[in-house]
Amino acid sequence: CIAFSVSNRPLQPLWHLCTEVSQGVPVHMKSIQIDTPELAADLAATMGNRPFVLLHGHGSVAVGDCMATACVRQISLERAAKLQATVDAMGGSIPIAADEIKSDGLSVGLTQEEINAQWDYWRLEISRL
């Protein structure tokens, strides 16, 4: 994700498990550690109602209504960024069409059931380390 925080290339919805990037992923232009309530408020203002924000030259933040949602979003965002960087190196990407991303079809975001399945998968993967 760091590469996308320092480039003019926006993240695009290329992968069905990270369509939330279609809402846009803002970049918080302060490249410092967020360690005070004031800096956190500034970051939250940049993020708005989106589930992600990129930290310029630093990384990214994902949020959710529970730890599983935030973690799954963060992993999905990182994987989507790697996918897009790979595809762009191959000559360019073809994003999922906007009309295909809708609340009742290919959803903007995962359902709680899908998040729980991903959470269980990643917990199992970590236990194997």
Protein backbone atom coordinates (compact mmCIF):
# COMPACT_ATOMS: atom_id res chain seq x y z
CA CYS A 1 0.00 0.00 0.00
CA ILE A 2 2.89 2.36 0.58
CA ALA A 3 3.54 2.65 -3.17
CA PHE A 4 -0.03 3.86 -3.73
CA SER A 5 0.31 6.40 -0.90
CA VAL A 6 3.19 8.13 -2.73
CA SER A 7 1.95 7.88 -6.32
CA ASN A 8 -0.76 9.49 -8.40
CA ARG A 9 -2.21 6.05 -9.17
CA PRO A 10 -5.45 5.37 -7.25
CA LEU A 11 -6.34 1.90 -6.09
CA GLN A 12 -8.99 0.35 -8.32
CA PRO A 13 -11.51 -2.45 -7.72
CA LEU A 14 -9.76 -5.36 -9.43
CA TRP A 15 -10.55 -8.13 -6.99
CA HIS A 16 -13.92 -9.33 -5.74
CA LEU A 17 -12.69 -9.45 -2.13
CA CYS A 18 -11.77 -5.77 -2.06
CA THR A 19 -14.46 -3.87 -3.95
CA GLU A 20 -14.58 -1.28 -1.16
CA VAL A 21 -11.72 0.54 -2.89
CA SER A 22 -14.31 1.62 -5.49
CA GLN A 23 -15.38 4.26 -2.92
CA GLY A 24 -11.92 5.79 -3.19
CA VAL A 25 -9.05 5.41 -0.75
CA PRO A 26 -7.92 8.80 0.54
CA VAL A 27 -4.30 9.57 1.34
CA HIS A 28 -3.49 11.20 4.68
CA MET A 29 -0.56 13.43 3.75
CA LYS A 30 1.15 13.45 7.14
CA SER A 31 3.95 10.87 7.22
CA ILE A 32 4.16 10.67 10.99
CA GLN A 33 3.05 8.29 13.67
CA ILE A 34 -0.53 8.89 14.78
CA ASP A 35 0.00 9.01 18.55
CA THR A 36 -2.11 11.86 19.89
CA PRO A 37 -5.87 12.46 19.95
CA GLU A 38 -5.36 15.50 17.71
CA LEU A 39 -3.46 13.53 15.06
CA ALA A 40 -6.08 10.77 15.28
CA ALA A 41 -8.87 13.31 14.74
CA ASP A 42 -7.03 14.69 11.70
CA LEU A 43 -6.62 11.16 10.30
CA ALA A 44 -10.31 10.40 10.94
CA ALA A 45 -11.26 13.58 9.07
CA THR A 46 -9.19 12.45 6.06
CA MET A 47 -10.75 9.00 6.21
CA GLY A 48 -14.32 10.25 6.44
CA ASN A 49 -16.81 7.38 6.17
CA ARG A 50 -14.49 5.16 4.15
CA PRO A 51 -13.15 1.88 5.52
CA PHE A 52 -9.52 2.63 4.57
CA VAL A 53 -6.99 5.43 4.44
CA LEU A 54 -3.43 5.39 3.12
CA LEU A 55 -0.76 7.08 5.22
CA HIS A 56 1.62 8.98 2.93
CA GLY A 57 4.93 7.11 2.82
CA HIS A 58 3.97 5.05 5.85
CA GLY A 59 1.24 2.42 5.31
CA SER A 60 -2.50 2.21 5.72
CA VAL A 61 -5.32 1.97 8.23
CA ALA A 62 -8.50 -0.06 7.98
CA VAL A 63 -11.43 0.14 10.36
CA GLY A 64 -14.49 -1.95 11.08
CA ASP A 65 -17.15 -2.55 13.65
CA CYS A 66 -15.09 -5.41 15.12
CA MET A 67 -11.50 -6.64 15.07
CA ALA A 68 -12.28 -9.30 12.46
CA THR A 69 -13.69 -6.75 10.02
CA ALA A 70 -10.78 -4.33 10.45
CA CYS A 71 -8.18 -7.09 10.05
CA VAL A 72 -9.83 -8.69 7.03
CA ARG A 73 -10.17 -5.28 5.36
CA GLN A 74 -6.50 -4.51 6.04
CA ILE A 75 -5.32 -7.82 4.60
CA SER A 76 -7.64 -7.44 1.59
CA LEU A 77 -6.40 -3.90 0.95
CA GLU A 78 -2.77 -5.00 1.01
CA ARG A 79 -3.48 -7.93 -1.29
CA ALA A 80 -5.45 -5.69 -3.67
CA ALA A 81 -2.54 -3.21 -3.80
CA LYS A 82 -0.09 -6.00 -4.62
CA LEU A 83 -2.43 -7.33 -7.30
CA GLN A 84 -2.81 -3.92 -8.91
CA ALA A 85 0.95 -3.27 -8.86
CA THR A 86 1.51 -6.63 -10.57
CA VAL A 87 -1.18 -6.03 -13.18
CA ASP A 88 0.03 -2.49 -13.84
CA ALA A 89 3.54 -3.88 -14.44
CA MET A 90 1.97 -6.18 -17.03
CA GLY A 91 0.61 -3.22 -18.97
CA GLY A 92 -2.45 -1.97 -17.14
CA SER A 93 -5.55 -3.06 -15.34
CA ILE A 94 -9.21 -3.48 -16.20
CA PRO A 95 -11.18 -2.69 -13.06
CA ILE A 96 -14.47 -4.30 -12.14
CA ALA A 97 -17.16 -2.16 -13.80
CA ALA A 98 -18.93 0.32 -11.54
CA ASP A 99 -22.36 -1.00 -12.51
CA GLU A 100 -21.28 -4.48 -11.41
CA ILE A 101 -20.42 -3.21 -7.92
CA LYS A 102 -23.72 -2.65 -6.16
CA SER A 103 -25.33 -3.43 -2.85
CA ASP A 104 -27.29 -6.47 -4.02
CA GLY A 105 -24.93 -8.08 -6.52
CA LEU A 106 -21.18 -8.01 -6.20
CA SER A 107 -21.31 -6.01 -3.01
CA VAL A 108 -19.24 -3.06 -1.95
CA GLY A 109 -17.58 -4.90 0.90
CA LEU A 110 -17.96 -8.34 2.34
CA THR A 111 -20.90 -9.67 4.29
CA GLN A 112 -20.31 -10.50 7.95
CA GLU A 113 -20.44 -14.19 7.06
CA GLU A 114 -17.68 -13.69 4.47
CA ILE A 115 -15.64 -11.63 6.93
CA ASN A 116 -15.96 -14.36 9.56
CA ALA A 117 -14.82 -17.01 7.05
CA GLN A 118 -11.81 -14.89 6.07
CA TRP A 119 -11.04 -14.19 9.75
CA ASP A 120 -11.09 -17.93 10.51
CA TYR A 121 -8.82 -18.59 7.52
CA TRP A 122 -6.24 -15.97 8.54
CA ARG A 123 -6.29 -17.13 12.19
CA LEU A 124 -5.54 -20.65 10.97
CA GLU A 125 -2.72 -19.39 8.73
CA ILE A 126 -1.14 -17.49 11.63
CA SER A 127 -1.37 -20.53 13.90
CA ARG A 128 0.75 -22.44 11.37
CA LEU A 129 3.68 -20.03 11.69
